Amino acid sequence: MNLFFAKGLDGLYTQFVNDWLGPIYLITVAIFAVVFLKDRKFRELFSFIAIATIVAILIFFTKDFFSKEGKITSSVRDATADALK
């Protein structure tokens, strides 16, 4: 029963990120970038783009990093298994 519930939430999460969060995030980043360009605040623009890129990676690639077979989860699991041997 829990497996079916988790699959339903996975589909809901994917739909929410692809249909709502992605476009809202891109529009927000674009608006702030235009404001920084208009005010000629290039240092703030570059730092904002760097932070926005890191946040986008964490939002849109969460499954690739933190899922059961994700890269970070697998590497931590392997490192702890090697350390405990």
Protein backbone atom coordinates (compact mmCIF):
# COMPACT_ATOMS: atom_id res chain seq x y z
CA MET A 1 0.00 0.00 0.00
CA ASN A 2 2.77 2.45 0.86
CA LEU A 3 4.52 1.75 -2.44
CA PHE A 4 1.45 2.82 -4.42
CA PHE A 5 1.09 5.95 -2.30
CA ALA A 6 4.74 6.85 -2.89
CA LYS A 7 4.34 6.35 -6.65
CA GLY A 8 1.39 8.73 -6.63
CA LEU A 9 3.38 11.37 -4.78
CA ASP A 10 6.28 10.89 -7.18
CA GLY A 11 4.02 11.68 -10.12
CA LEU A 12 2.58 14.67 -8.29
CA TYR A 13 6.07 15.97 -7.51
CA THR A 14 7.19 15.57 -11.11
CA GLN A 15 4.09 17.29 -12.45
CA PHE A 16 4.41 20.15 -9.94
CA VAL A 17 8.07 20.77 -10.76
CA ASN A 18 7.62 20.54 -14.53
CA ASP A 19 4.32 22.42 -14.86
CA TRP A 20 4.45 25.03 -12.11
CA LEU A 21 7.74 25.43 -10.29
CA GLY A 22 9.96 25.43 -13.37
CA PRO A 23 8.24 28.26 -15.23
CA ILE A 24 7.71 30.32 -12.07
CA TYR A 25 11.39 29.92 -11.16
CA LEU A 26 12.60 30.91 -14.61
CA ILE A 27 10.32 33.96 -14.75
CA THR A 28 11.47 35.08 -11.30
CA VAL A 29 15.16 34.70 -12.21
CA ALA A 30 14.60 36.56 -15.48
CA ILE A 31 12.82 39.46 -13.74
CA PHE A 32 15.59 39.87 -11.17
CA ALA A 33 18.26 39.61 -13.89
CA VAL A 34 16.58 42.37 -15.89
CA VAL A 35 16.36 44.57 -12.79
CA PHE A 36 20.07 44.06 -12.06
CA LEU A 37 20.94 44.81 -15.69
CA LYS A 38 18.76 47.90 -15.75
CA ASP A 39 20.45 49.26 -12.61
CA ARG A 40 23.89 48.23 -13.94
CA LYS A 41 24.63 46.15 -10.86
CA PHE A 42 26.81 43.59 -12.59
CA ARG A 43 28.45 42.20 -9.46
CA GLU A 44 25.04 41.49 -7.91
CA LEU A 45 23.84 40.03 -11.22
CA PHE A 46 26.70 37.52 -11.43
CA SER A 47 26.35 36.48 -7.79
CA PHE A 48 22.57 36.15 -8.25
CA ILE A 49 23.04 33.98 -11.35
CA ALA A 50 25.51 31.76 -9.49
CA ILE A 51 23.16 31.29 -6.53
CA ALA A 52 20.16 30.79 -8.85
CA THR A 53 22.08 28.09 -10.73
CA ILE A 54 22.90 26.22 -7.51
CA VAL A 55 19.29 26.44 -6.35
CA ALA A 56 18.02 25.27 -9.74
CA ILE A 57 20.31 22.24 -9.62
CA LEU A 58 19.04 21.37 -6.15
CA ILE A 59 15.39 21.79 -7.18
CA PHE A 60 15.36 20.18 -10.61
CA PHE A 61 17.94 17.41 -10.10
CA THR A 62 16.98 16.31 -6.59
CA LYS A 63 16.06 12.81 -7.74
CA ASP A 64 19.40 12.35 -9.49
CA PHE A 65 21.31 13.23 -6.33
CA PHE A 66 19.22 12.14 -3.36
CA SER A 67 16.97 9.29 -4.51
CA LYS A 68 17.58 5.71 -3.43
CA GLU A 69 20.00 5.15 -6.32
CA GLY A 70 21.16 8.78 -6.58
CA LYS A 71 24.77 9.79 -6.98
CA ILE A 72 25.22 11.34 -3.54
CA THR A 73 23.29 8.61 -1.76
CA SER A 74 25.27 5.89 -3.54
CA SER A 75 28.62 7.53 -2.86
CA VAL A 76 27.85 8.03 0.84
CA ARG A 77 26.59 4.44 1.12
CA ASP A 78 29.76 3.12 -0.56
CA ALA A 79 32.04 5.30 1.58
CA THR A 80 30.41 4.20 4.82
CA ALA A 81 30.48 0.56 3.72
CA ASP A 82 34.22 0.85 2.97
CA ALA A 83 34.89 2.65 6.26
CA LEU A 84 33.09 0.00 8.30
CA LYS A 85 35.05 -2.92 6.76
